[in-house]
C-alpha cells in the first residue's frame, strides 16, 4: 500500500474527527490570543469538514449517459 493510499484511507475514516479537532485547537488558540497563523487552522478545519461531508454523501458515482 502506497503512502497516498494510506493517507486517503486515514482521511476517509477520520476526516471529520480531524476537522473538528482542528476547529477545537483553533478555538482554544483564539482564547489565549495566539499568533495570527492560528487562523489557518480555521480555514483548514472548515474546508476539511465541508469536503468530508460532501464526499461522504457521494458514495455511488452515477454511470455516464450515452
PDB file of N, CA and C in Angstrom:
ATOM      1  N   UNK A   1       0.854  -1.174   0.000  1.00  0.00           N
ATOM      2  CA  UNK A   1       0.000   0.000   0.000  1.00  0.00           C
ATOM      3  C   UNK A   1       0.900   1.237   0.000  1.00  0.00           C
ATOM      4  N   UNK A   2       0.635   2.137  -0.918  1.00  0.00           N
ATOM      5  CA  UNK A   2       1.462   3.326  -1.036  1.00  0.00           C
ATOM      6  C   UNK A   2       1.071   4.373   0.012  1.00  0.00           C
ATOM      7  N   UNK A   3       1.909   5.371   0.133  1.00  0.00           N
ATOM      8  CA  UNK A   3       1.673   6.452   1.102  1.00  0.00           C
ATOM      9  C   UNK A   3       0.386   7.200   0.783  1.00  0.00           C
ATOM     10  N   UNK A   4       0.124   7.437  -0.494  1.00  0.00           N
ATOM     11  CA  UNK A   4      -1.080   8.170  -0.904  1.00  0.00           C
ATOM     12  C   UNK A   4      -2.333   7.371  -0.550  1.00  0.00           C
ATOM     13  N   UNK A   5      -2.316   6.074  -0.809  1.00  0.00           N
ATOM     14  CA  UNK A   5      -3.466   5.239  -0.472  1.00  0.00           C
ATOM     15  C   UNK A   5      -3.682   5.188   1.037  1.00  0.00           C
ATOM     16  N   UNK A   6      -2.596   5.153   1.793  1.00  0.00           N
ATOM     17  CA  UNK A   6      -2.703   5.116   3.247  1.00  0.00           C
ATOM     18  C   UNK A   6      -3.284   6.412   3.792  1.00  0.00           C
ATOM     19  N   UNK A   7      -2.820   7.554   3.304  1.00  0.00           N
ATOM     20  CA  UNK A   7      -3.362   8.825   3.782  1.00  0.00           C
ATOM     21  C   UNK A   7      -4.817   8.994   3.342  1.00  0.00           C
ATOM     22  N   UNK A   8      -5.174   8.488   2.170  1.00  0.00           N
ATOM     23  CA  UNK A   8      -6.567   8.562   1.729  1.00  0.00           C
ATOM     24  C   UNK A   8      -7.468   7.757   2.658  1.00  0.00           C
ATOM     25  N   UNK A   9      -7.026   6.572   3.063  1.00  0.00           N
ATOM     26  CA  UNK A   9      -7.824   5.752   3.980  1.00  0.00           C
ATOM     27  C   UNK A   9      -7.952   6.412   5.350  1.00  0.00           C
ATOM     28  N   UNK A  10      -6.882   7.061   5.811  1.00  0.00           N
ATOM     29  CA  UNK A  10      -6.938   7.746   7.104  1.00  0.00           C
ATOM     30  C   UNK A  10      -7.928   8.900   7.043  1.00  0.00           C
ATOM     31  N   UNK A  11      -7.856   9.722   5.995  1.00  0.00           N
ATOM     32  CA  UNK A  11      -8.784  10.839   5.862  1.00  0.00           C
ATOM     33  C   UNK A  11     -10.211  10.356   5.627  1.00  0.00           C
ATOM     34  N   UNK A  12     -10.348   9.210   4.976  1.00  0.00           N
ATOM     35  CA  UNK A  12     -11.678   8.666   4.732  1.00  0.00           C
ATOM     36  C   UNK A  12     -12.340   8.263   6.044  1.00  0.00           C
ATOM     37  N   UNK A  13     -11.577   7.698   6.945  1.00  0.00           N
ATOM     38  CA  UNK A  13     -12.144   7.227   8.208  1.00  0.00           C
ATOM     39  C   UNK A  13     -12.200   8.312   9.272  1.00  0.00           C
ATOM     40  N   UNK A  14     -11.171   9.135   9.353  1.00  0.00           N
ATOM     41  CA  UNK A  14     -11.065  10.077  10.462  1.00  0.00           C
ATOM     42  C   UNK A  14     -11.113  11.541  10.038  1.00  0.00           C
ATOM     43  N   UNK A  15     -11.527  11.828   8.818  1.00  0.00           N
ATOM     44  CA  UNK A  15     -11.510  13.193   8.305  1.00  0.00           C
ATOM     45  C   UNK A  15     -12.353  14.161   9.108  1.00  0.00           C
ATOM     46  N   UNK A  16     -13.564  13.760   9.460  1.00  0.00           N
ATOM     47  CA  UNK A  16     -14.448  14.643  10.225  1.00  0.00           C
ATOM     48  C   UNK A  16     -13.897  14.858  11.628  1.00  0.00           C
ATOM     49  N   UNK A  17     -13.361  13.817  12.225  1.00  0.00           N
ATOM     50  CA  UNK A  17     -12.788  13.944  13.574  1.00  0.00           C
ATOM     51  C   UNK A  17     -11.571  14.869  13.551  1.00  0.00           C
ATOM     52  N   UNK A  18     -10.727  14.738  12.541  1.00  0.00           N
ATOM     53  CA  UNK A  18      -9.554  15.606  12.422  1.00  0.00           C
ATOM     54  C   UNK A  18      -9.984  17.051  12.220  1.00  0.00           C
ATOM     55  N   UNK A  19     -11.017  17.262  11.383  1.00  0.00           N
ATOM     56  CA  UNK A  19     -11.507  18.627  11.136  1.00  0.00           C
ATOM     57  C   UNK A  19     -12.042  19.254  12.418  1.00  0.00           C
ATOM     58  N   UNK A  20     -12.806  18.506  13.183  1.00  0.00           N
ATOM     59  CA  UNK A  20     -13.336  19.031  14.444  1.00  0.00           C
ATOM     60  C   UNK A  20     -12.212  19.299  15.425  1.00  0.00           C
ATOM     61  N   UNK A  21     -11.204  18.434  15.449  1.00  0.00           N
ATOM     62  CA  UNK A  21     -10.057  18.663  16.332  1.00  0.00           C
ATOM     63  C   UNK A  21      -9.327  19.949  15.956  1.00  0.00           C
ATOM     64  N   UNK A  22      -9.154  20.201  14.671  1.00  0.00           N
ATOM     65  CA  UNK A  22      -8.517  21.445  14.226  1.00  0.00           C
ATOM     66  C   UNK A  22      -9.330  22.661  14.666  1.00  0.00           C
ATOM     67  N   UNK A  23     -10.650  22.570  14.575  1.00  0.00           N
ATOM     68  CA  UNK A  23     -11.500  23.683  14.989  1.00  0.00           C
ATOM     69  C   UNK A  23     -11.438  23.908  16.499  1.00  0.00           C
ATOM     70  N   UNK A  24     -11.340  22.829  17.267  1.00  0.00           N
ATOM     71  CA  UNK A  24     -11.211  22.969  18.724  1.00  0.00           C
ATOM     72  C   UNK A  24      -9.870  23.598  19.080  1.00  0.00           C
ATOM     73  N   UNK A  25      -8.807  23.165  18.419  1.00  0.00           N
ATOM     74  CA  UNK A  25      -7.484  23.758  18.666  1.00  0.00           C
ATOM     75  C   UNK A  25      -7.497  25.237  18.299  1.00  0.00           C
ATOM     76  N   UNK A  26      -8.165  25.579  17.183  1.00  0.00           N
ATOM     77  CA  UNK A  26      -8.283  26.992  16.793  1.00  0.00           C
ATOM     78  C   UNK A  26      -9.030  27.784  17.853  1.00  0.00           C
ATOM     79  N   UNK A  27     -10.138  27.230  18.366  1.00  0.00           N
ATOM     80  CA  UNK A  27     -10.930  27.945  19.370  1.00  0.00           C
ATOM     81  C   UNK A  27     -10.120  28.182  20.642  1.00  0.00           C
ATOM     82  N   UNK A  28      -9.375  27.191  21.073  1.00  0.00           N
ATOM     83  CA  UNK A  28      -8.535  27.348  22.273  1.00  0.00           C
ATOM     84  C   UNK A  28      -7.431  28.365  22.007  1.00  0.00           C
ATOM     85  N   UNK A  29      -6.853  28.319  20.817  1.00  0.00           N
ATOM     86  CA  UNK A  29      -5.789  29.264  20.473  1.00  0.00           C
ATOM     87  C   UNK A  29      -6.260  30.705  20.433  1.00  0.00           C
ATOM     88  N   UNK A  30      -7.495  30.915  19.990  1.00  0.00           N
ATOM     89  CA  UNK A  30      -8.002  32.290  19.944  1.00  0.00           C
ATOM     90  C   UNK A  30      -8.363  32.798  21.333  1.00  0.00           C
ATOM     91  N   UNK A  31      -8.696  31.910  22.244  1.00  0.00           N
ATOM     92  CA  UNK A  31      -8.986  32.340  23.618  1.00  0.00           C
ATOM     93  C   UNK A  31      -7.750  32.919  24.290  1.00  0.00           C
ATOM     94  N   UNK A  32      -6.595  32.373  23.956  1.00  0.00           N
ATOM     95  CA  UNK A  32      -5.347  32.814  24.576  1.00  0.00           C
ATOM     96  C   UNK A  32      -4.582  33.789  23.697  1.00  0.00           C
ATOM     97  N   UNK A  33      -5.253  34.431  22.752  1.00  0.00           N
ATOM     98  CA  UNK A  33      -4.629  35.398  21.842  1.00  0.00           C
ATOM     99  C   UNK A  33      -3.388  34.823  21.167  1.00  0.00           C
ATOM    100  N   UNK A  34      -3.599  33.723  20.476  1.00  0.00           N
ATOM    101  CA  UNK A  34      -2.499  33.078  19.769  1.00  0.00           C
ATOM    102  C   UNK A  34      -2.035  33.912  18.588  1.00  0.00           C
ATOM    103  N   UNK A  35      -0.981  33.483  17.921  1.00  0.00           N
ATOM    104  CA  UNK A  35      -0.467  34.237  16.773  1.00  0.00           C
ATOM    105  C   UNK A  35      -1.461  34.216  15.613  1.00  0.00           C
ATOM    106  N   UNK A  36      -1.252  35.101  14.662  1.00  0.00           N
ATOM    107  CA  UNK A  36      -2.158  35.204  13.529  1.00  0.00           C
ATOM    108  C   UNK A  36      -2.248  33.945  12.692  1.00  0.00           C
ATOM    109  N   UNK A  37      -1.187  33.171  12.689  1.00  0.00           N
ATOM    110  CA  UNK A  37      -1.175  31.936  11.916  1.00  0.00           C
ATOM    111  C   UNK A  37      -2.139  30.885  12.432  1.00  0.00           C
ATOM    112  N   UNK A  38      -2.613  31.061  13.660  1.00  0.00           N
ATOM    113  CA  UNK A  38      -3.549  30.092  14.234  1.00  0.00           C
ATOM    114  C   UNK A  38      -4.861  30.078  13.447  1.00  0.00           C
ATOM    115  N   UNK A  39      -5.156  31.185  12.763  1.00  0.00           N
ATOM    116  CA  UNK A  39      -6.398  31.256  11.999  1.00  0.00           C
ATOM    117  C   UNK A  39      -6.347  30.388  10.747  1.00  0.00           C
ATOM    118  N   UNK A  40      -5.170  29.929  10.380  1.00  0.00           N
ATOM    119  CA  UNK A  40      -5.049  28.966   9.293  1.00  0.00           C
ATOM    120  C   UNK A  40      -5.738  27.653   9.669  1.00  0.00           C
ATOM    121  N   UNK A  41      -5.744  27.329  10.962  1.00  0.00           N
ATOM    122  CA  UNK A  41      -6.440  26.128  11.419  1.00  0.00           C
ATOM    123  C   UNK A  41      -7.936  26.229  11.164  1.00  0.00           C
ATOM    124  N   UNK A  42      -8.490  27.431  11.294  1.00  0.00           N
ATOM    125  CA  UNK A  42      -9.909  27.633  10.999  1.00  0.00           C
ATOM    126  C   UNK A  42     -10.188  27.355   9.529  1.00  0.00           C
ATOM    127  N   UNK A  43      -9.359  27.894   8.660  1.00  0.00           N
ATOM    128  CA  UNK A  43      -9.545  27.695   7.224  1.00  0.00           C
ATOM    129  C   UNK A  43      -9.430  26.223   6.851  1.00  0.00           C
ATOM    130  N   UNK A  44      -8.404  25.567   7.347  1.00  0.00           N
ATOM    131  CA  UNK A  44      -8.187  24.154   7.027  1.00  0.00           C
ATOM    132  C   UNK A  44      -9.285  23.290   7.636  1.00  0.00           C
ATOM    133  N   UNK A  45      -9.658  23.571   8.882  1.00  0.00           N
ATOM    134  CA  UNK A  45     -10.681  22.772   9.561  1.00  0.00           C
ATOM    135  C   UNK A  45     -12.030  22.856   8.882  1.00  0.00           C
ATOM    136  N   UNK A  46     -12.462  24.057   8.529  1.00  0.00           N
ATOM    137  CA  UNK A  46     -13.763  24.216   7.862  1.00  0.00           C
ATOM    138  C   UNK A  46     -13.731  23.598   6.471  1.00  0.00           C
ATOM    139  N   UNK A  47     -12.646  23.806   5.744  1.00  0.00           N
ATOM    140  CA  UNK A  47     -12.535  23.226   4.403  1.00  0.00           C
ATOM    141  C   UNK A  47     -12.569  21.700   4.455  1.00  0.00           C
ATOM    142  N   UNK A  48     -11.842  21.129   5.385  1.00  0.00           N
ATOM    143  CA  UNK A  48     -11.805  19.675   5.511  1.00  0.00           C
ATOM    144  C   UNK A  48     -13.170  19.127   5.925  1.00  0.00           C
ATOM    145  N   UNK A  49     -13.852  19.824   6.823  1.00  0.00           N
ATOM    146  CA  UNK A  49     -15.164  19.376   7.272  1.00  0.00           C
ATOM    147  C   UNK A  49     -16.164  19.384   6.120  1.00  0.00           C
ATOM    148  N   UNK A  50     -16.192  20.460   5.350  1.00  0.00           N
ATOM    149  CA  UNK A  50     -17.106  20.533   4.205  1.00  0.00           C
ATOM    150  C   UNK A  50     -16.762  19.463   3.177  1.00  0.00           C
ATOM    151  N   UNK A  51     -15.470  19.297   2.905  1.00  0.00           N
ATOM    152  CA  UNK A  51     -15.033  18.306   1.925  1.00  0.00           C
ATOM    153  C   UNK A  51     -15.454  16.898   2.338  1.00  0.00           C
ATOM    154  N   UNK A  52     -15.264  16.553   3.616  1.00  0.00           N
ATOM    155  CA  UNK A  52     -15.604  15.210   4.074  1.00  0.00           C
ATOM    156  C   UNK A  52     -17.106  14.963   4.044  1.00  0.00           C
ATOM    157  N   UNK A  53     -17.902  15.982   4.362  1.00  0.00           N
ATOM    158  CA  UNK A  53     -19.348  15.803   4.327  1.00  0.00           C
ATOM    159  C   UNK A  53     -19.818  15.599   2.894  1.00  0.00           C
ATOM    160  N   UNK A  54     -19.253  16.343   1.948  1.00  0.00           N
ATOM    161  CA  UNK A  54     -19.641  16.196   0.545  1.00  0.00           C
ATOM    162  C   UNK A  54     -19.214  14.839   0.007  1.00  0.00           C
ATOM    163  N   UNK A  55     -18.006  14.417   0.297  1.00  0.00           N
ATOM    164  CA  UNK A  55     -17.515  13.126  -0.197  1.00  0.00           C
ATOM    165  C   UNK A  55     -18.294  11.986   0.442  1.00  0.00           C
ATOM    166  N   UNK A  56     -18.655  12.142   1.695  1.00  0.00           N
ATOM    167  CA  UNK A  56     -19.394  11.100   2.399  1.00  0.00           C
ATOM    168  C   UNK A  56     -20.764  10.871   1.770  1.00  0.00           C
ATOM    169  N   UNK A  57     -21.397  11.914   1.282  1.00  0.00           N
ATOM    170  CA  UNK A  57     -22.704  11.776   0.661  1.00  0.00           C
ATOM    171  C   UNK A  57     -22.645  11.300  -0.775  1.00  0.00           C
ATOM    172  N   UNK A  58     -21.451  11.211  -1.359  1.00  0.00           N
ATOM    173  CA  UNK A  58     -21.276  10.851  -2.763  1.00  0.00           C
ATOM    174  C   UNK A  58     -20.623   9.473  -2.870  1.00  0.00           C
ATOM    175  N   UNK A  59     -21.240   8.465  -2.267  1.00  0.00           N
ATOM    176  CA  UNK A  59     -20.657   7.124  -2.271  1.00  0.00           C
ATOM    177  C   UNK A  59     -20.768   6.448  -3.634  1.00  0.00           C
ATOM    178  N   UNK A  60     -21.932   6.534  -4.265  1.00  0.00           N
ATOM    179  CA  UNK A  60     -22.139   5.863  -5.544  1.00  0.00           C
ATOM    180  C   UNK A  60     -22.011   6.892  -6.677  1.00  0.00           C
ATOM    181  N   UNK A  61     -21.065   6.656  -7.535  1.00  0.00           N
ATOM    182  CA  UNK A  61     -20.885   7.539  -8.674  1.00  0.00           C
ATOM    183  C   UNK A  61     -21.848   7.125  -9.776  1.00  0.00           C
ATOM    184  N   UNK A  62     -22.592   8.045 -10.345  1.00  0.00           N
ATOM    185  CA  UNK A  62     -23.541   7.675 -11.404  1.00  0.00           C
ATOM    186  C   UNK A  62     -22.801   7.281 -12.689  1.00  0.00           C
ATOM    187  N   UNK A  63     -23.409   6.386 -13.438  1.00  0.00           N
ATOM    188  CA  UNK A  63     -22.799   5.979 -14.699  1.00  0.00           C
ATOM    189  C   UNK A  63     -23.099   7.052 -15.743  1.00  0.00           C
ATOM    190  N   UNK A  64     -22.151   7.333 -16.604  1.00  0.00           N
ATOM    191  CA  UNK A  64     -22.371   8.375 -17.625  1.00  0.00           C
ATOM    192  C   UNK A  64     -23.432   7.932 -18.639  1.00  0.00           C
ATOM    193  N   UNK A  65     -24.245   8.901 -19.068  1.00  0.00           N
ATOM    194  CA  UNK A  65     -25.282   8.605 -20.067  1.00  0.00           C
ATOM    195  C   UNK A  65     -24.671   8.644 -21.461  1.00  0.00           C
ATOM    196  N   UNK A  66     -25.121   7.746 -22.294  1.00  0.00           N
ATOM    197  CA  UNK A  66     -24.595   7.675 -23.657  1.00  0.00           C
ATOM    198  C   UNK A  66     -25.551   8.292 -24.628  1.00  0.00           C
TER     199      UNK A  66
END
